[in-house]
Amino acid sequence: DLVMVHCVAVSRSSTPQPTLPDALAEH
């Protein structure tokens, strides 16, 4: 299990790392 904590003033849909969750989900 891994939890991501986003940067300032963004949500899951507006994060500057929108594709990172899927990349991490490979592992």
mmCIF file of all heavy atoms, coordinates in Angstrom:
data_MODEL
# 
_entry.id   MODEL 
# 
loop_
_atom_site.group_PDB 
_atom_site.id 
_atom_site.type_symbol 
_atom_site.label_atom_id 
_atom_site.label_alt_id 
_atom_site.label_comp_id 
_atom_site.label_asym_id 
_atom_site.label_entity_id 
_atom_site.label_seq_id 
_atom_site.pdbx_PDB_ins_code 
_atom_site.Cartn_x 
_atom_site.Cartn_y 
_atom_site.Cartn_z 
_atom_site.occupancy 
_atom_site.B_iso_or_equiv 
_atom_site.pdbx_formal_charge 
_atom_site.auth_seq_id 
_atom_site.auth_comp_id 
_atom_site.auth_asym_id 
_atom_site.auth_atom_id 
_atom_site.pdbx_PDB_model_num 
ATOM 1   N N   . ASP A 1 1  ? 0.823   -1.208 0.000   1.00 0.00 ? 1  ASP A N   1 
ATOM 2   C CA  . ASP A 1 1  ? 0.000   0.000  0.000   1.00 0.00 ? 1  ASP A CA  1 
ATOM 3   C C   . ASP A 1 1  ? 0.859   1.260  0.000   1.00 0.00 ? 1  ASP A C   1 
ATOM 4   O O   . ASP A 1 1  ? 1.854   1.352  0.730   1.00 0.00 ? 1  ASP A O   1 
ATOM 5   C CB  . ASP A 1 1  ? -0.917  0.005  1.225   1.00 0.00 ? 1  ASP A CB  1 
ATOM 6   C CG  . ASP A 1 1  ? -1.996  -1.054 1.135   1.00 0.00 ? 1  ASP A CG  1 
ATOM 7   O OD1 . ASP A 1 1  ? -1.712  -2.219 1.479   1.00 0.00 ? 1  ASP A OD1 1 
ATOM 8   O OD2 . ASP A 1 1  ? -3.103  -0.725 0.699   1.00 0.00 ? 1  ASP A OD2 1 
ATOM 9   N N   . LEU A 1 2  ? 0.451   2.221  -0.816  1.00 0.00 ? 2  LEU A N   1 
ATOM 10  C CA  . LEU A 1 2  ? 1.139   3.501  -0.922  1.00 0.00 ? 2  LEU A CA  1 
ATOM 11  C C   . LEU A 1 2  ? 0.094   4.607  -0.995  1.00 0.00 ? 2  LEU A C   1 
ATOM 12  O O   . LEU A 1 2  ? -0.856  4.518  -1.777  1.00 0.00 ? 2  LEU A O   1 
ATOM 13  C CB  . LEU A 1 2  ? 2.031   3.532  -2.169  1.00 0.00 ? 2  LEU A CB  1 
ATOM 14  C CG  . LEU A 1 2  ? 2.798   4.821  -2.459  1.00 0.00 ? 2  LEU A CG  1 
ATOM 15  C CD1 . LEU A 1 2  ? 4.138   4.498  -3.128  1.00 0.00 ? 2  LEU A CD1 1 
ATOM 16  C CD2 . LEU A 1 2  ? 2.007   5.793  -3.338  1.00 0.00 ? 2  LEU A CD2 1 
ATOM 17  N N   . VAL A 1 3  ? 0.267   5.665  -0.188  1.00 0.00 ? 3  VAL A N   1 
ATOM 18  C CA  . VAL A 1 3  ? -0.634  6.810  -0.229  1.00 0.00 ? 3  VAL A CA  1 
ATOM 19  C C   . VAL A 1 3  ? 0.111   7.999  -0.820  1.00 0.00 ? 3  VAL A C   1 
ATOM 20  O O   . VAL A 1 3  ? 1.268   8.253  -0.488  1.00 0.00 ? 3  VAL A O   1 
ATOM 21  C CB  . VAL A 1 3  ? -1.200  7.142  1.169   1.00 0.00 ? 3  VAL A CB  1 
ATOM 22  C CG1 . VAL A 1 3  ? -0.095  7.493  2.162   1.00 0.00 ? 3  VAL A CG1 1 
ATOM 23  C CG2 . VAL A 1 3  ? -2.217  8.276  1.088   1.00 0.00 ? 3  VAL A CG2 1 
ATOM 24  N N   . MET A 1 4  ? -0.560  8.711  -1.742  1.00 0.00 ? 4  MET A N   1 
ATOM 25  C CA  . MET A 1 4  ? -0.001  9.903  -2.362  1.00 0.00 ? 4  MET A CA  1 
ATOM 26  C C   . MET A 1 4  ? -0.595  11.144 -1.703  1.00 0.00 ? 4  MET A C   1 
ATOM 27  O O   . MET A 1 4  ? -1.813  11.250 -1.550  1.00 0.00 ? 4  MET A O   1 
ATOM 28  C CB  . MET A 1 4  ? -0.312  9.931  -3.863  1.00 0.00 ? 4  MET A CB  1 
ATOM 29  C CG  . MET A 1 4  ? 0.391   8.870  -4.674  1.00 0.00 ? 4  MET A CG  1 
ATOM 30  S SD  . MET A 1 4  ? 0.006   8.991  -6.458  1.00 0.00 ? 4  MET A SD  1 
ATOM 31  C CE  . MET A 1 4  ? 0.599   10.652 -6.840  1.00 0.00 ? 4  MET A CE  1 
ATOM 32  N N   . VAL A 1 5  ? 0.276   12.083 -1.342  1.00 0.00 ? 5  VAL A N   1 
ATOM 33  C CA  . VAL A 1 5  ? -0.157  13.352 -0.775  1.00 0.00 ? 5  VAL A CA  1 
ATOM 34  C C   . VAL A 1 5  ? 0.152   14.446 -1.794  1.00 0.00 ? 5  VAL A C   1 
ATOM 35  O O   . VAL A 1 5  ? 1.322   14.702 -2.111  1.00 0.00 ? 5  VAL A O   1 
ATOM 36  C CB  . VAL A 1 5  ? 0.544   13.646 0.565   1.00 0.00 ? 5  VAL A CB  1 
ATOM 37  C CG1 . VAL A 1 5  ? 0.041   14.953 1.158   1.00 0.00 ? 5  VAL A CG1 1 
ATOM 38  C CG2 . VAL A 1 5  ? 0.320   12.498 1.546   1.00 0.00 ? 5  VAL A CG2 1 
ATOM 39  N N   . HIS A 1 6  ? -0.905  15.076 -2.307  1.00 0.00 ? 6  HIS A N   1 
ATOM 40  C CA  . HIS A 1 6  ? -0.735  16.049 -3.387  1.00 0.00 ? 6  HIS A CA  1 
ATOM 41  C C   . HIS A 1 6  ? -0.152  17.368 -2.897  1.00 0.00 ? 6  HIS A C   1 
ATOM 42  O O   . HIS A 1 6  ? -0.176  17.681 -1.704  1.00 0.00 ? 6  HIS A O   1 
ATOM 43  C CB  . HIS A 1 6  ? -2.079  16.315 -4.067  1.00 0.00 ? 6  HIS A CB  1 
ATOM 44  C CG  . HIS A 1 6  ? -2.631  15.134 -4.800  1.00 0.00 ? 6  HIS A CG  1 
ATOM 45  N ND1 . HIS A 1 6  ? -1.900  14.428 -5.741  1.00 0.00 ? 6  HIS A ND1 1 
ATOM 46  C CD2 . HIS A 1 6  ? -3.847  14.528 -4.741  1.00 0.00 ? 6  HIS A CD2 1 
ATOM 47  C CE1 . HIS A 1 6  ? -2.638  13.449 -6.222  1.00 0.00 ? 6  HIS A CE1 1 
ATOM 48  N NE2 . HIS A 1 6  ? -3.823  13.477 -5.628  1.00 0.00 ? 6  HIS A NE2 1 
ATOM 49  N N   . CYS A 1 7  ? 0.333   18.146 -3.846  1.00 0.00 ? 7  CYS A N   1 
ATOM 50  C CA  . CYS A 1 7  ? 0.894   19.456 -3.538  1.00 0.00 ? 7  CYS A CA  1 
ATOM 51  C C   . CYS A 1 7  ? -0.232  20.471 -3.325  1.00 0.00 ? 7  CYS A C   1 
ATOM 52  O O   . CYS A 1 7  ? -1.409  20.118 -3.254  1.00 0.00 ? 7  CYS A O   1 
ATOM 53  C CB  . CYS A 1 7  ? 1.835   19.898 -4.656  1.00 0.00 ? 7  CYS A CB  1 
ATOM 54  S SG  . CYS A 1 7  ? 1.067   20.046 -6.288  1.00 0.00 ? 7  CYS A SG  1 
ATOM 55  N N   . VAL A 1 8  ? 0.141   21.716 -3.245  1.00 0.00 ? 8  VAL A N   1 
ATOM 56  C CA  . VAL A 1 8  ? -0.778  22.781 -2.853  1.00 0.00 ? 8  VAL A CA  1 
ATOM 57  C C   . VAL A 1 8  ? -1.916  22.971 -3.851  1.00 0.00 ? 8  VAL A C   1 
ATOM 58  O O   . VAL A 1 8  ? -1.720  22.971 -5.061  1.00 0.00 ? 8  VAL A O   1 
ATOM 59  C CB  . VAL A 1 8  ? 0.001   24.107 -2.674  1.00 0.00 ? 8  VAL A CB  1 
ATOM 60  C CG1 . VAL A 1 8  ? 0.684   24.521 -3.975  1.00 0.00 ? 8  VAL A CG1 1 
ATOM 61  C CG2 . VAL A 1 8  ? -0.892  25.214 -2.141  1.00 0.00 ? 8  VAL A CG2 1 
ATOM 62  N N   . ALA A 1 9  ? -3.125  23.127 -3.316  1.00 0.00 ? 9  ALA A N   1 
ATOM 63  C CA  . ALA A 1 9  ? -4.283  23.616 -4.066  1.00 0.00 ? 9  ALA A CA  1 
ATOM 64  C C   . ALA A 1 9  ? -4.603  22.816 -5.317  1.00 0.00 ? 9  ALA A C   1 
ATOM 65  O O   . ALA A 1 9  ? -5.012  23.381 -6.334  1.00 0.00 ? 9  ALA A O   1 
ATOM 66  C CB  . ALA A 1 9  ? -4.085  25.100 -4.431  1.00 0.00 ? 9  ALA A CB  1 
ATOM 67  N N   . VAL A 1 10 ? -4.424  21.493 -5.253  1.00 0.00 ? 10 VAL A N   1 
ATOM 68  C CA  . VAL A 1 10 ? -4.831  20.639 -6.363  1.00 0.00 ? 10 VAL A CA  1 
ATOM 69  C C   . VAL A 1 10 ? -5.640  19.469 -5.810  1.00 0.00 ? 10 VAL A C   1 
ATOM 70  O O   . VAL A 1 10 ? -5.602  19.174 -4.612  1.00 0.00 ? 10 VAL A O   1 
ATOM 71  C CB  . VAL A 1 10 ? -3.632  20.099 -7.176  1.00 0.00 ? 10 VAL A CB  1 
ATOM 72  C CG1 . VAL A 1 10 ? -2.785  21.234 -7.728  1.00 0.00 ? 10 VAL A CG1 1 
ATOM 73  C CG2 . VAL A 1 10 ? -2.777  19.147 -6.355  1.00 0.00 ? 10 VAL A CG2 1 
ATOM 74  N N   . SER A 1 11 ? -6.359  18.812 -6.695  1.00 0.00 ? 11 SER A N   1 
ATOM 75  C CA  . SER A 1 11 ? -7.144  17.635 -6.330  1.00 0.00 ? 11 SER A CA  1 
ATOM 76  C C   . SER A 1 11 ? -6.643  16.442 -7.138  1.00 0.00 ? 11 SER A C   1 
ATOM 77  O O   . SER A 1 11 ? -5.701  16.558 -7.925  1.00 0.00 ? 11 SER A O   1 
ATOM 78  C CB  . SER A 1 11 ? -8.623  17.885 -6.619  1.00 0.00 ? 11 SER A CB  1 
ATOM 79  O OG  . SER A 1 11 ? -8.826  18.035 -8.020  1.00 0.00 ? 11 SER A OG  1 
ATOM 80  N N   . ARG A 1 12 ? -7.301  15.297 -6.975  1.00 0.00 ? 12 ARG A N   1 
ATOM 81  C CA  . ARG A 1 12 ? -6.931  14.128 -7.772  1.00 0.00 ? 12 ARG A CA  1 
ATOM 82  C C   . ARG A 1 12 ? -7.080  14.404 -9.262  1.00 0.00 ? 12 ARG A C   1 
ATOM 83  O O   . ARG A 1 12 ? -6.331  13.857 -10.081 1.00 0.00 ? 12 ARG A O   1 
ATOM 84  C CB  . ARG A 1 12 ? -7.819  12.942 -7.391  1.00 0.00 ? 12 ARG A CB  1 
ATOM 85  C CG  . ARG A 1 12 ? -7.611  12.399 -5.989  1.00 0.00 ? 12 ARG A CG  1 
ATOM 86  C CD  . ARG A 1 12 ? -8.720  11.435 -5.610  1.00 0.00 ? 12 ARG A CD  1 
ATOM 87  N NE  . ARG A 1 12 ? -10.001 12.128 -5.545  1.00 0.00 ? 12 ARG A NE  1 
ATOM 88  C CZ  . ARG A 1 12 ? -11.184 11.532 -5.507  1.00 0.00 ? 12 ARG A CZ  1 
ATOM 89  N NH1 . ARG A 1 12 ? -11.270 10.214 -5.554  1.00 0.00 ? 12 ARG A NH1 1 
ATOM 90  N NH2 . ARG A 1 12 ? -12.296 12.240 -5.446  1.00 0.00 ? 12 ARG A NH2 1 
ATOM 91  N N   . SER A 1 13 ? -8.044  15.244 -9.633  1.00 0.00 ? 13 SER A N   1 
ATOM 92  C CA  . SER A 1 13 ? -8.294  15.503 -11.056 1.00 0.00 ? 13 SER A CA  1 
ATOM 93  C C   . SER A 1 13 ? -7.453  16.644 -11.611 1.00 0.00 ? 13 SER A C   1 
ATOM 94  O O   . SER A 1 13 ? -7.373  16.802 -12.836 1.00 0.00 ? 13 SER A O   1 
ATOM 95  C CB  . SER A 1 13 ? -9.783  15.821 -11.277 1.00 0.00 ? 13 SER A CB  1 
ATOM 96  O OG  . SER A 1 13 ? -10.147 16.999 -10.586 1.00 0.00 ? 13 SER A OG  1 
ATOM 97  N N   . SER A 1 14 ? -6.812  17.431 -10.742 1.00 0.00 ? 14 SER A N   1 
ATOM 98  C CA  . SER A 1 14 ? -6.039  18.574 -11.242 1.00 0.00 ? 14 SER A CA  1 
ATOM 99  C C   . SER A 1 14 ? -4.569  18.511 -10.849 1.00 0.00 ? 14 SER A C   1 
ATOM 100 O O   . SER A 1 14 ? -3.836  19.466 -11.067 1.00 0.00 ? 14 SER A O   1 
ATOM 101 C CB  . SER A 1 14 ? -6.647  19.881 -10.716 1.00 0.00 ? 14 SER A CB  1 
ATOM 102 O OG  . SER A 1 14 ? -6.542  19.977 -9.301  1.00 0.00 ? 14 SER A OG  1 
ATOM 103 N N   . THR A 1 15 ? -4.139  17.378 -10.289 1.00 0.00 ? 15 THR A N   1 
ATOM 104 C CA  . THR A 1 15 ? -2.741  17.248 -9.886  1.00 0.00 ? 15 THR A CA  1 
ATOM 105 C C   . THR A 1 15 ? -1.802  17.421 -11.082 1.00 0.00 ? 15 THR A C   1 
ATOM 106 O O   . THR A 1 15 ? -2.132  16.988 -12.195 1.00 0.00 ? 15 THR A O   1 
ATOM 107 C CB  . THR A 1 15 ? -2.504  15.868 -9.243  1.00 0.00 ? 15 THR A CB  1 
ATOM 108 O OG1 . THR A 1 15 ? -1.091  15.664 -9.072  1.00 0.00 ? 15 THR A OG1 1 
ATOM 109 C CG2 . THR A 1 15 ? -3.045  14.746 -10.108 1.00 0.00 ? 15 THR A CG2 1 
ATOM 110 N N   . PRO A 1 16 ? -0.617  18.004 -10.872 1.00 0.00 ? 16 PRO A N   1 
ATOM 111 C CA  . PRO A 1 16 ? 0.364   18.080 -11.961 1.00 0.00 ? 16 PRO A CA  1 
ATOM 112 C C   . PRO A 1 16 ? 1.019   16.736 -12.260 1.00 0.00 ? 16 PRO A C   1 
ATOM 113 O O   . PRO A 1 16 ? 1.845   16.645 -13.171 1.00 0.00 ? 16 PRO A O   1 
ATOM 114 C CB  . PRO A 1 16 ? 1.391   19.095 -11.431 1.00 0.00 ? 16 PRO A CB  1 
ATOM 115 C CG  . PRO A 1 16 ? 1.267   19.024 -9.952  1.00 0.00 ? 16 PRO A CG  1 
ATOM 116 C CD  . PRO A 1 16 ? -0.174  18.742 -9.674  1.00 0.00 ? 16 PRO A CD  1 
ATOM 117 N N   . GLN A 1 17 ? 0.652   15.695 -11.502 1.00 0.00 ? 17 GLN A N   1 
ATOM 118 C CA  . GLN A 1 17 ? 1.166   14.341 -11.744 1.00 0.00 ? 17 GLN A CA  1 
ATOM 119 C C   . GLN A 1 17 ? -0.004  13.396 -12.038 1.00 0.00 ? 17 GLN A C   1 
ATOM 120 O O   . GLN A 1 17 ? -0.194  12.388 -11.353 1.00 0.00 ? 17 GLN A O   1 
ATOM 121 C CB  . GLN A 1 17 ? 1.949   13.857 -10.526 1.00 0.00 ? 17 GLN A CB  1 
ATOM 122 C CG  . GLN A 1 17 ? 3.169   14.713 -10.201 1.00 0.00 ? 17 GLN A CG  1 
ATOM 123 C CD  . GLN A 1 17 ? 3.912   14.195 -8.991  1.00 0.00 ? 17 GLN A CD  1 
ATOM 124 O OE1 . GLN A 1 17 ? 3.350   13.977 -7.927  1.00 0.00 ? 17 GLN A OE1 1 
ATOM 125 N NE2 . GLN A 1 17 ? 5.210   13.983 -9.159  1.00 0.00 ? 17 GLN A NE2 1 
ATOM 126 N N   . PRO A 1 18 ? -0.785  13.676 -13.075 1.00 0.00 ? 18 PRO A N   1 
ATOM 127 C CA  . PRO A 1 18 ? -2.029  12.935 -13.295 1.00 0.00 ? 18 PRO A CA  1 
ATOM 128 C C   . PRO A 1 18 ? -1.843  11.468 -13.657 1.00 0.00 ? 18 PRO A C   1 
ATOM 129 O O   . PRO A 1 18 ? -2.725  10.644 -13.396 1.00 0.00 ? 18 PRO A O   1 
ATOM 130 C CB  . PRO A 1 18 ? -2.695  13.700 -14.446 1.00 0.00 ? 18 PRO A CB  1 
ATOM 131 C CG  . PRO A 1 18 ? -1.550  14.340 -15.176 1.00 0.00 ? 18 PRO A CG  1 
ATOM 132 C CD  . PRO A 1 18 ? -0.571  14.704 -14.109 1.00 0.00 ? 18 PRO A CD  1 
ATOM 133 N N   . THR A 1 19 ? -0.718  11.114 -14.263 1.00 0.00 ? 19 THR A N   1 
ATOM 134 C CA  . THR A 1 19 ? -0.514  9.731  -14.699 1.00 0.00 ? 19 THR A CA  1 
ATOM 135 C C   . THR A 1 19 ? 0.352   8.920  -13.736 1.00 0.00 ? 19 THR A C   1 
ATOM 136 O O   . THR A 1 19 ? 0.529   7.716  -13.930 1.00 0.00 ? 19 THR A O   1 
ATOM 137 C CB  . THR A 1 19 ? 0.129   9.695  -16.099 1.00 0.00 ? 19 THR A CB  1 
ATOM 138 O OG1 . THR A 1 19 ? 1.353   10.464 -16.073 1.00 0.00 ? 19 THR A OG1 1 
ATOM 139 C CG2 . THR A 1 19 ? -0.803  10.310 -17.141 1.00 0.00 ? 19 THR A CG2 1 
ATOM 140 N N   . LEU A 1 20 ? 0.881   9.578  -12.713 1.00 0.00 ? 20 LEU A N   1 
ATOM 141 C CA  . LEU A 1 20 ? 1.741   8.862  -11.775 1.00 0.00 ? 20 LEU A CA  1 
ATOM 142 C C   . LEU A 1 20 ? 1.005   7.758  -11.006 1.00 0.00 ? 20 LEU A C   1 
ATOM 143 O O   . LEU A 1 20 ? 1.575   6.676  -10.802 1.00 0.00 ? 20 LEU A O   1 
ATOM 144 C CB  . LEU A 1 20 ? 2.395   9.849  -10.805 1.00 0.00 ? 20 LEU A CB  1 
ATOM 145 C CG  . LEU A 1 20 ? 3.347   9.234  -9.775  1.00 0.00 ? 20 LEU A CG  1 
ATOM 146 C CD1 . LEU A 1 20 ? 4.496   8.487  -10.449 1.00 0.00 ? 20 LEU A CD1 1 
ATOM 147 C CD2 . LEU A 1 20 ? 3.891   10.317 -8.838  1.00 0.00 ? 20 LEU A CD2 1 
ATOM 148 N N   . PRO A 1 21 ? -0.252  7.970  -10.558 1.00 0.00 ? 21 PRO A N   1 
ATOM 149 C CA  . PRO A 1 21 ? -0.927  6.872  -9.851  1.00 0.00 ? 21 PRO A CA  1 
ATOM 150 C C   . PRO A 1 21 ? -0.987  5.579  -10.658 1.00 0.00 ? 21 PRO A C   1 
ATOM 151 O O   . PRO A 1 21 ? -0.772  4.488  -10.119 1.00 0.00 ? 21 PRO A O   1 
ATOM 152 C CB  . PRO A 1 21 ? -2.325  7.439  -9.580  1.00 0.00 ? 21 PRO A CB  1 
ATOM 153 C CG  . PRO A 1 21 ? -2.114  8.914  -9.505  1.00 0.00 ? 21 PRO A CG  1 
ATOM 154 C CD  . PRO A 1 21 ? -1.062  9.198  -10.536 1.00 0.00 ? 21 PRO A CD  1 
ATOM 155 N N   . ASP A 1 22 ? -1.269  5.679  -11.953 1.00 0.00 ? 22 ASP A N   1 
ATOM 156 C CA  . ASP A 1 22 ? -1.327  4.470  -12.783 1.00 0.00 ? 22 ASP A CA  1 
ATOM 157 C C   . ASP A 1 22 ? 0.045   3.826  -12.927 1.00 0.00 ? 22 ASP A C   1 
ATOM 158 O O   . ASP A 1 22 ? 0.168   2.588  -12.954 1.00 0.00 ? 22 ASP A O   1 
ATOM 159 C CB  . ASP A 1 22 ? -1.896  4.796  -14.161 1.00 0.00 ? 22 ASP A CB  1 
ATOM 160 C CG  . ASP A 1 22 ? -3.399  5.015  -14.130 1.00 0.00 ? 22 ASP A CG  1 
ATOM 161 O OD1 . ASP A 1 22 ? -4.062  4.462  -13.231 1.00 0.00 ? 22 ASP A OD1 1 
ATOM 162 O OD2 . ASP A 1 22 ? -3.914  5.744  -14.995 1.00 0.00 ? 22 ASP A OD2 1 
ATOM 163 N N   . ALA A 1 23 ? 1.091   4.659  -13.026 1.00 0.00 ? 23 ALA A N   1 
ATOM 164 C CA  . ALA A 1 23 ? 2.443   4.103  -13.127 1.00 0.00 ? 23 ALA A CA  1 
ATOM 165 C C   . ALA A 1 23 ? 2.820   3.367  -11.843 1.00 0.00 ? 23 ALA A C   1 
ATOM 166 O O   . ALA A 1 23 ? 3.350   2.246  -11.876 1.00 0.00 ? 23 ALA A O   1 
ATOM 167 C CB  . ALA A 1 23 ? 3.448   5.220  -13.420 1.00 0.00 ? 23 ALA A CB  1 
ATOM 168 N N   . LEU A 1 24 ? 2.522   3.972  -10.701 1.00 0.00 ? 24 LEU A N   1 
ATOM 169 C CA  . LEU A 1 24 ? 2.825   3.339  -9.419  1.00 0.00 ? 24 LEU A CA  1 
ATOM 170 C C   . LEU A 1 24 ? 1.982   2.082  -9.198  1.00 0.00 ? 24 LEU A C   1 
ATOM 171 O O   . LEU A 1 24 ? 2.418   1.138  -8.526  1.00 0.00 ? 24 LEU A O   1 
ATOM 172 C CB  . LEU A 1 24 ? 2.584   4.328  -8.280  1.00 0.00 ? 24 LEU A CB  1 
ATOM 173 C CG  . LEU A 1 24 ? 3.595   5.470  -8.151  1.00 0.00 ? 24 LEU A CG  1 
ATOM 174 C CD1 . LEU A 1 24 ? 3.080   6.527  -7.179  1.00 0.00 ? 24 LEU A CD1 1 
ATOM 175 C CD2 . LEU A 1 24 ? 4.953   4.938  -7.679  1.00 0.00 ? 24 LEU A CD2 1 
ATOM 176 N N   . ALA A 1 25 ? 0.771   2.087  -9.773  1.00 0.00 ? 25 ALA A N   1 
ATOM 177 C CA  . ALA A 1 25 ? -0.141  0.953  -9.574  1.00 0.00 ? 25 ALA A CA  1 
ATOM 178 C C   . ALA A 1 25 ? 0.356   -0.330 -10.220 1.00 0.00 ? 25 ALA A C   1 
ATOM 179 O O   . ALA A 1 25 ? -0.188  -1.408 -9.959  1.00 0.00 ? 25 ALA A O   1 
ATOM 180 C CB  . ALA A 1 25 ? -1.531  1.302  -10.113 1.00 0.00 ? 25 ALA A CB  1 
ATOM 181 N N   . GLU A 1 26 ? 1.405   -0.256 -11.034 1.00 0.00 ? 26 GLU A N   1 
ATOM 182 C CA  . GLU A 1 26 ? 2.023   -1.470 -11.567 1.00 0.00 ? 26 GLU A CA  1 
ATOM 183 C C   . GLU A 1 26 ? 2.742   -2.244 -10.464 1.00 0.00 ? 26 GLU A C   1 
ATOM 184 O O   . GLU A 1 26 ? 3.014   -3.441 -10.612 1.00 0.00 ? 26 GLU A O   1 
ATOM 185 C CB  . GLU A 1 26 ? 3.021   -1.105 -12.671 1.00 0.00 ? 26 GLU A CB  1 
ATOM 186 C CG  . GLU A 1 26 ? 2.395   -0.487 -13.909 1.00 0.00 ? 26 GLU A CG  1 
ATOM 187 C CD  . GLU A 1 26 ? 1.513   -1.473 -14.658 1.00 0.00 ? 26 GLU A CD  1 
ATOM 188 O OE1 . GLU A 1 26 ? 1.895   -2.670 -14.718 1.00 0.00 ? 26 GLU A OE1 1 
ATOM 189 O OE2 . GLU A 1 26 ? 0.453   -1.064 -15.150 1.00 0.00 ? 26 GLU A OE2 1 
ATOM 190 N N   . HIS A 1 27 ? 3.028   -1.567 -9.349  1.00 0.00 ? 27 HIS A N   1 
ATOM 191 C CA  . HIS A 1 27 ? 3.799   -2.190 -8.273  1.00 0.00 ? 27 HIS A CA  1 
ATOM 192 C C   . HIS A 1 27 ? 3.141   -2.070 -6.898  1.00 0.00 ? 27 HIS A C   1 
ATOM 193 O O   . HIS A 1 27 ? 3.537   -2.774 -5.971  1.00 0.00 ? 27 HIS A O   1 
ATOM 194 C CB  . HIS A 1 27 ? 5.187   -1.550 -8.196  1.00 0.00 ? 27 HIS A CB  1 
ATOM 195 C CG  . HIS A 1 27 ? 5.923   -1.535 -9.494  1.00 0.00 ? 27 HIS A CG  1 
ATOM 196 N ND1 . HIS A 1 27 ? 6.584   -2.634 -9.984  1.00 0.00 ? 27 HIS A ND1 1 
ATOM 197 C CD2 . HIS A 1 27 ? 6.069   -0.546 -10.422 1.00 0.00 ? 27 HIS A CD2 1 
ATOM 198 C CE1 . HIS A 1 27 ? 7.133   -2.335 -11.154 1.00 0.00 ? 27 HIS A CE1 1 
ATOM 199 N NE2 . HIS A 1 27 ? 6.835   -1.078 -11.448 1.00 0.00 ? 27 HIS A NE2 1 
# 
